[in-house]
């Protein structure tokens, strides 16, 4: 059993080459972690920017949908006889034959 102990102690001796490899490995792992954290931060910022842009675009869509509704109402009104009569009176000065027109002096 003493022999096994000697062999084990042999491996426990400090190996400068192995320590150098361990330090290098640790530095590489730390550098990779730093790069990953920085990339994650960039992705988080990009996601926030895109969410803000999405909200802005959704508001624009909502405004445009309201505008579309108003334009449809206006289009429908412009096809009515009431609108046609109003334009004929205002722009062209047309009146019904049995109407009297009073003008201001």
N, C-alpha and C. Protein backbone atom coordinates (compact mmCIF):
# COMPACT_ATOMS: atom_id res chain seq x y z
N UNK A 1 0.82 -1.17 0.00
CA UNK A 1 0.00 0.00 0.00
C UNK A 1 0.88 1.26 0.00
N UNK A 2 2.03 1.17 0.54
CA UNK A 2 2.93 2.31 0.57
C UNK A 2 3.35 2.68 -0.83
N UNK A 3 3.44 1.68 -1.64
CA UNK A 3 3.83 1.93 -3.02
C UNK A 3 2.80 2.80 -3.74
N UNK A 4 1.54 2.54 -3.52
CA UNK A 4 0.48 3.35 -4.12
C UNK A 4 0.57 4.79 -3.65
N UNK A 5 0.91 4.96 -2.40
CA UNK A 5 1.02 6.30 -1.86
C UNK A 5 2.13 7.07 -2.55
N UNK A 6 3.25 6.42 -2.79
CA UNK A 6 4.36 7.07 -3.48
C UNK A 6 3.96 7.48 -4.89
N UNK A 7 3.27 6.60 -5.57
CA UNK A 7 2.83 6.92 -6.92
C UNK A 7 1.86 8.10 -6.90
N UNK A 8 0.98 8.15 -5.91
CA UNK A 8 0.01 9.24 -5.80
C UNK A 8 0.74 10.54 -5.51
N UNK A 9 1.71 10.51 -4.63
CA UNK A 9 2.49 11.72 -4.32
C UNK A 9 3.24 12.21 -5.53
N UNK A 10 3.65 11.31 -6.36
CA UNK A 10 4.37 11.67 -7.58
C UNK A 10 3.49 12.56 -8.47
N UNK A 11 2.23 12.21 -8.54
CA UNK A 11 1.31 12.98 -9.36
C UNK A 11 0.88 14.29 -8.71
N UNK A 12 1.02 14.35 -7.39
CA UNK A 12 0.62 15.56 -6.68
C UNK A 12 1.67 16.66 -6.78
N UNK A 13 2.84 16.34 -7.23
CA UNK A 13 3.88 17.36 -7.36
C UNK A 13 3.39 18.44 -8.31
N UNK A 14 3.77 19.65 -8.01
CA UNK A 14 3.34 20.77 -8.85
C UNK A 14 4.02 20.69 -10.20
N UNK A 15 3.21 20.79 -11.19
CA UNK A 15 3.69 20.74 -12.56
C UNK A 15 3.49 22.13 -13.15
N UNK A 16 4.56 22.89 -13.36
CA UNK A 16 4.42 24.26 -13.86
C UNK A 16 3.75 24.31 -15.24
N UNK A 17 3.99 23.33 -16.03
CA UNK A 17 3.38 23.29 -17.35
C UNK A 17 1.87 23.13 -17.24
N UNK A 18 1.44 22.26 -16.35
CA UNK A 18 0.02 22.03 -16.13
C UNK A 18 -0.64 23.27 -15.54
N UNK A 19 0.02 23.95 -14.62
CA UNK A 19 -0.53 25.18 -14.03
C UNK A 19 -0.68 26.26 -15.09
N UNK A 20 0.28 26.34 -15.99
CA UNK A 20 0.21 27.33 -17.06
C UNK A 20 -0.99 27.04 -17.98
N UNK A 21 -1.20 25.76 -18.29
CA UNK A 21 -2.34 25.37 -19.11
C UNK A 21 -3.65 25.71 -18.41
N UNK A 22 -3.72 25.45 -17.10
CA UNK A 22 -4.93 25.76 -16.34
C UNK A 22 -5.22 27.26 -16.35
N UNK A 23 -4.19 28.09 -16.17
CA UNK A 23 -4.38 29.54 -16.18
C UNK A 23 -4.85 30.01 -17.56
N UNK A 24 -4.24 29.47 -18.59
CA UNK A 24 -4.62 29.84 -19.95
C UNK A 24 -6.08 29.44 -20.21
N UNK A 25 -6.43 28.24 -19.81
CA UNK A 25 -7.80 27.76 -19.98
C UNK A 25 -8.78 28.66 -19.22
N UNK A 26 -8.43 29.04 -18.01
CA UNK A 26 -9.29 29.91 -17.20
C UNK A 26 -9.46 31.27 -17.87
N UNK A 27 -8.39 31.81 -18.40
CA UNK A 27 -8.46 33.12 -19.08
C UNK A 27 -9.33 33.02 -20.32
N UNK A 28 -9.18 31.95 -21.07
CA UNK A 28 -10.00 31.78 -22.28
C UNK A 28 -11.47 31.66 -21.92
N UNK A 29 -11.79 30.88 -20.91
CA UNK A 29 -13.19 30.72 -20.47
C UNK A 29 -13.74 32.06 -19.99
N UNK A 30 -12.96 32.82 -19.23
CA UNK A 30 -13.41 34.13 -18.75
C UNK A 30 -13.65 35.08 -19.91
N UNK A 31 -12.77 35.06 -20.91
CA UNK A 31 -12.94 35.93 -22.07
C UNK A 31 -14.21 35.55 -22.84
N UNK A 32 -14.45 34.27 -22.99
CA UNK A 32 -15.66 33.82 -23.68
C UNK A 32 -16.90 34.28 -22.91
N UNK A 33 -16.88 34.17 -21.60
CA UNK A 33 -18.01 34.60 -20.79
C UNK A 33 -18.26 36.10 -20.93
N UNK A 34 -17.18 36.88 -20.93
CA UNK A 34 -17.32 38.34 -21.07
C UNK A 34 -17.95 38.67 -22.43
N UNK A 35 -17.47 38.01 -23.47
CA UNK A 35 -18.02 38.25 -24.81
C UNK A 35 -19.50 37.88 -24.86
N UNK A 36 -19.85 36.76 -24.25
CA UNK A 36 -21.25 36.34 -24.24
C UNK A 36 -22.13 37.32 -23.48
N UNK A 37 -21.66 37.83 -22.35
CA UNK A 37 -22.43 38.80 -21.57
C UNK A 37 -22.62 40.08 -22.37
N UNK A 38 -21.55 40.56 -23.02
CA UNK A 38 -21.66 41.77 -23.83
C UNK A 38 -22.62 41.58 -25.00
N UNK A 39 -22.58 40.42 -25.61
CA UNK A 39 -23.51 40.14 -26.72
C UNK A 39 -24.95 40.11 -26.21
N UNK A 40 -25.15 39.53 -25.05
CA UNK A 40 -26.50 39.46 -24.47
C UNK A 40 -27.02 40.86 -24.16
N UNK A 41 -26.16 41.72 -23.63
CA UNK A 41 -26.56 43.10 -23.34
C UNK A 41 -26.98 43.80 -24.63
N UNK A 42 -26.21 43.60 -25.69
CA UNK A 42 -26.55 44.19 -26.98
C UNK A 42 -27.89 43.69 -27.50
N UNK A 43 -28.14 42.41 -27.33
CA UNK A 43 -29.41 41.84 -27.78
C UNK A 43 -30.58 42.39 -26.97
N UNK A 44 -30.39 42.57 -25.69
CA UNK A 44 -31.45 43.12 -24.84
C UNK A 44 -31.78 44.55 -25.27
N UNK A 45 -30.74 45.35 -25.54
CA UNK A 45 -30.97 46.72 -25.99
C UNK A 45 -31.69 46.74 -27.34
N UNK A 46 -31.30 45.86 -28.25
CA UNK A 46 -31.94 45.79 -29.56
C UNK A 46 -33.40 45.38 -29.41
N UNK A 47 -33.67 44.44 -28.52
CA UNK A 47 -35.05 44.01 -28.30
C UNK A 47 -35.90 45.16 -27.78
N UNK A 48 -35.38 45.93 -26.84
CA UNK A 48 -36.12 47.08 -26.30
C UNK A 48 -36.40 48.10 -27.39
N UNK A 49 -35.40 48.35 -28.25
CA UNK A 49 -35.57 49.31 -29.33
C UNK A 49 -36.66 48.83 -30.30
N UNK A 50 -36.62 47.55 -30.62
CA UNK A 50 -37.62 47.00 -31.54
C UNK A 50 -39.02 47.00 -30.93
N UNK A 51 -39.13 46.75 -29.63
CA UNK A 51 -40.44 46.80 -28.98
C UNK A 51 -41.00 48.22 -28.99
N UNK A 52 -40.13 49.22 -28.77
CA UNK A 52 -40.57 50.61 -28.82
C UNK A 52 -41.02 50.97 -30.23
N UNK A 53 -40.28 50.51 -31.22
CA UNK A 53 -40.65 50.77 -32.61
C UNK A 53 -41.97 50.08 -32.96
N UNK A 54 -42.17 48.88 -32.44
CA UNK A 54 -43.41 48.14 -32.69
C UNK A 54 -44.59 48.90 -32.10
N UNK A 55 -44.43 49.42 -30.89
CA UNK A 55 -45.50 50.19 -30.25
C UNK A 55 -45.82 51.44 -31.07
N UNK A 56 -44.79 52.10 -31.54
CA UNK A 56 -44.98 53.31 -32.35
C UNK A 56 -45.74 52.98 -33.64
N UNK A 57 -45.37 51.90 -34.29
CA UNK A 57 -46.02 51.51 -35.53
C UNK A 57 -47.47 51.09 -35.28
N UNK A 58 -47.73 50.41 -34.17
CA UNK A 58 -49.10 50.02 -33.83
C UNK A 58 -49.97 51.25 -33.62
N UNK A 59 -49.41 52.30 -32.99
CA UNK A 59 -50.17 53.55 -32.82
C UNK A 59 -50.46 54.19 -34.17
N UNK A 60 -49.46 54.17 -35.07
CA UNK A 60 -49.67 54.73 -36.40
C UNK A 60 -50.76 53.96 -37.15
N UNK A 61 -50.75 52.65 -37.01
CA UNK A 61 -51.77 51.83 -37.67
C UNK A 61 -53.15 52.19 -37.14
N UNK A 62 -53.25 52.36 -35.83
CA UNK A 62 -54.52 52.72 -35.22
C UNK A 62 -55.02 54.07 -35.75
N UNK A 63 -54.12 55.05 -35.84
CA UNK A 63 -54.49 56.37 -36.36
C UNK A 63 -54.95 56.27 -37.81
N UNK A 64 -54.24 55.49 -38.60
CA UNK A 64 -54.59 55.34 -40.01
C UNK A 64 -55.93 54.61 -40.18
N UNK A 65 -56.22 53.67 -39.30
CA UNK A 65 -57.51 52.99 -39.37
C UNK A 65 -58.64 53.97 -39.06
N UNK A 66 -58.43 54.85 -38.08
CA UNK A 66 -59.43 55.88 -37.78
C UNK A 66 -59.61 56.82 -38.97
N UNK A 67 -58.50 57.19 -39.57
CA UNK A 67 -58.54 58.08 -40.73
C UNK A 67 -59.30 57.41 -41.88
N UNK A 68 -59.07 56.13 -42.07
CA UNK A 68 -59.76 55.38 -43.11
C UNK A 68 -61.26 55.38 -42.87
N UNK A 69 -61.66 55.19 -41.61
CA UNK A 69 -63.09 55.22 -41.28
C UNK A 69 -63.69 56.58 -41.62
N UNK A 70 -62.98 57.65 -41.27
CA UNK A 70 -63.47 58.99 -41.57
C UNK A 70 -63.58 59.22 -43.07
N UNK A 71 -62.58 58.75 -43.81
CA UNK A 71 -62.62 58.91 -45.27
C UNK A 71 -63.78 58.13 -45.88
N UNK A 72 -64.06 56.96 -45.36
CA UNK A 72 -65.19 56.18 -45.86
C UNK A 72 -66.51 56.89 -45.59
N UNK A 73 -66.62 57.51 -44.38
CA UNK A 73 -67.82 58.28 -44.07
C UNK A 73 -67.97 59.44 -45.04
N UNK A 74 -66.86 60.14 -45.29
CA UNK A 74 -66.89 61.29 -46.19
C UNK A 74 -67.27 60.85 -47.60
N UNK A 75 -66.70 59.75 -48.04
CA UNK A 75 -67.01 59.23 -49.38
C UNK A 75 -68.49 58.88 -49.49
N UNK A 76 -69.01 58.25 -48.46
CA UNK A 76 -70.42 57.89 -48.47
C UNK A 76 -71.30 59.15 -48.49
N UNK A 77 -70.92 60.17 -47.71
CA UNK A 77 -71.68 61.42 -47.67
C UNK A 77 -71.63 62.11 -49.03
N UNK A 78 -70.50 62.05 -49.71
CA UNK A 78 -70.35 62.73 -50.99
C UNK A 78 -71.20 62.11 -52.09
N UNK A 79 -71.71 60.93 -51.87
CA UNK A 79 -72.58 60.30 -52.88
C UNK A 79 -74.06 60.57 -52.61
N UNK A 80 -74.35 61.28 -51.53
CA UNK A 80 -75.75 61.55 -51.20
C UNK A 80 -76.26 62.77 -51.98
N UNK A 81 -77.57 62.84 -52.12
CA UNK A 81 -78.19 63.99 -52.80
C UNK A 81 -77.98 65.27 -52.00
N UNK A 82 -77.97 65.14 -50.69
CA UNK A 82 -77.77 66.31 -49.83
C UNK A 82 -76.44 67.00 -50.14
N UNK A 83 -75.39 66.23 -50.30
CA UNK A 83 -74.08 66.81 -50.59
C UNK A 83 -74.06 67.43 -51.99
N UNK A 84 -74.61 66.73 -52.93
CA UNK A 84 -74.63 67.23 -54.32
C UNK A 84 -75.39 68.55 -54.39
N UNK A 85 -76.51 68.63 -53.69
CA UNK A 85 -77.29 69.86 -53.66
C UNK A 85 -76.50 70.99 -53.00
N UNK A 86 -75.83 70.69 -51.92
CA UNK A 86 -75.03 71.70 -51.20
C UNK A 86 -73.93 72.26 -52.10
N UNK A 87 -73.22 71.40 -52.80
CA UNK A 87 -72.15 71.85 -53.70
C UNK A 87 -72.72 72.66 -54.85
N UNK A 88 -73.84 72.24 -55.39
CA UNK A 88 -74.46 72.97 -56.50
C UNK A 88 -74.85 74.38 -56.06
N UNK A 89 -75.35 74.52 -54.85
CA UNK A 89 -75.74 75.84 -54.35
C UNK A 89 -74.51 76.70 -54.05
N UNK A 90 -73.53 76.14 -53.38
CA UNK A 90 -72.37 76.93 -52.94
C UNK A 90 -71.42 77.29 -54.08
N UNK A 91 -71.06 76.33 -54.88
CA UNK A 91 -70.03 76.57 -55.88
C UNK A 91 -70.58 77.09 -57.21
N UNK A 92 -71.74 76.60 -57.58
CA UNK A 92 -72.25 76.95 -58.90
C UNK A 92 -73.42 77.93 -58.85
N UNK A 93 -73.91 78.25 -57.66
CA UNK A 93 -75.02 79.21 -57.54
C UNK A 93 -76.32 78.69 -58.13
N UNK A 94 -76.51 77.41 -58.15
CA UNK A 94 -77.73 76.83 -58.70
C UNK A 94 -78.81 76.72 -57.62
N UNK A 95 -80.07 76.91 -58.05
CA UNK A 95 -81.20 76.82 -57.13
C UNK A 95 -82.35 76.15 -57.85
N UNK A 96 -83.33 75.72 -57.07
CA UNK A 96 -84.53 75.13 -57.66
C UNK A 96 -85.32 76.25 -58.36
N UNK A 97 -86.07 75.91 -59.40
CA UNK A 97 -86.81 76.93 -60.16
C UNK A 97 -87.81 77.71 -59.32
N UNK A 98 -88.40 77.12 -58.30
CA UNK A 98 -89.42 77.84 -57.53
C UNK A 98 -88.85 78.55 -56.30
N UNK A 99 -87.50 78.63 -56.18
CA UNK A 99 -86.88 79.30 -55.05
C UNK A 99 -86.57 80.74 -55.36
N UNK A 100 -86.61 81.56 -54.32
CA UNK A 100 -86.22 82.96 -54.47
C UNK A 100 -84.89 83.14 -53.74
N UNK A 101 -84.00 83.82 -54.38
CA UNK A 101 -82.67 84.04 -53.81
C UNK A 101 -82.56 85.49 -53.38
N UNK A 102 -82.18 85.67 -52.12
CA UNK A 102 -81.97 87.01 -51.61
C UNK A 102 -80.46 87.22 -51.47
N UNK A 103 -79.99 88.27 -52.07
CA UNK A 103 -78.56 88.57 -51.99
C UNK A 103 -78.34 89.79 -51.11
N UNK A 104 -77.25 89.78 -50.40
CA UNK A 104 -76.90 90.92 -49.58
C UNK A 104 -76.28 91.99 -50.44
N UNK A 105 -76.52 93.25 -50.07
CA UNK A 105 -75.94 94.34 -50.85
C UNK A 105 -74.70 94.86 -50.22
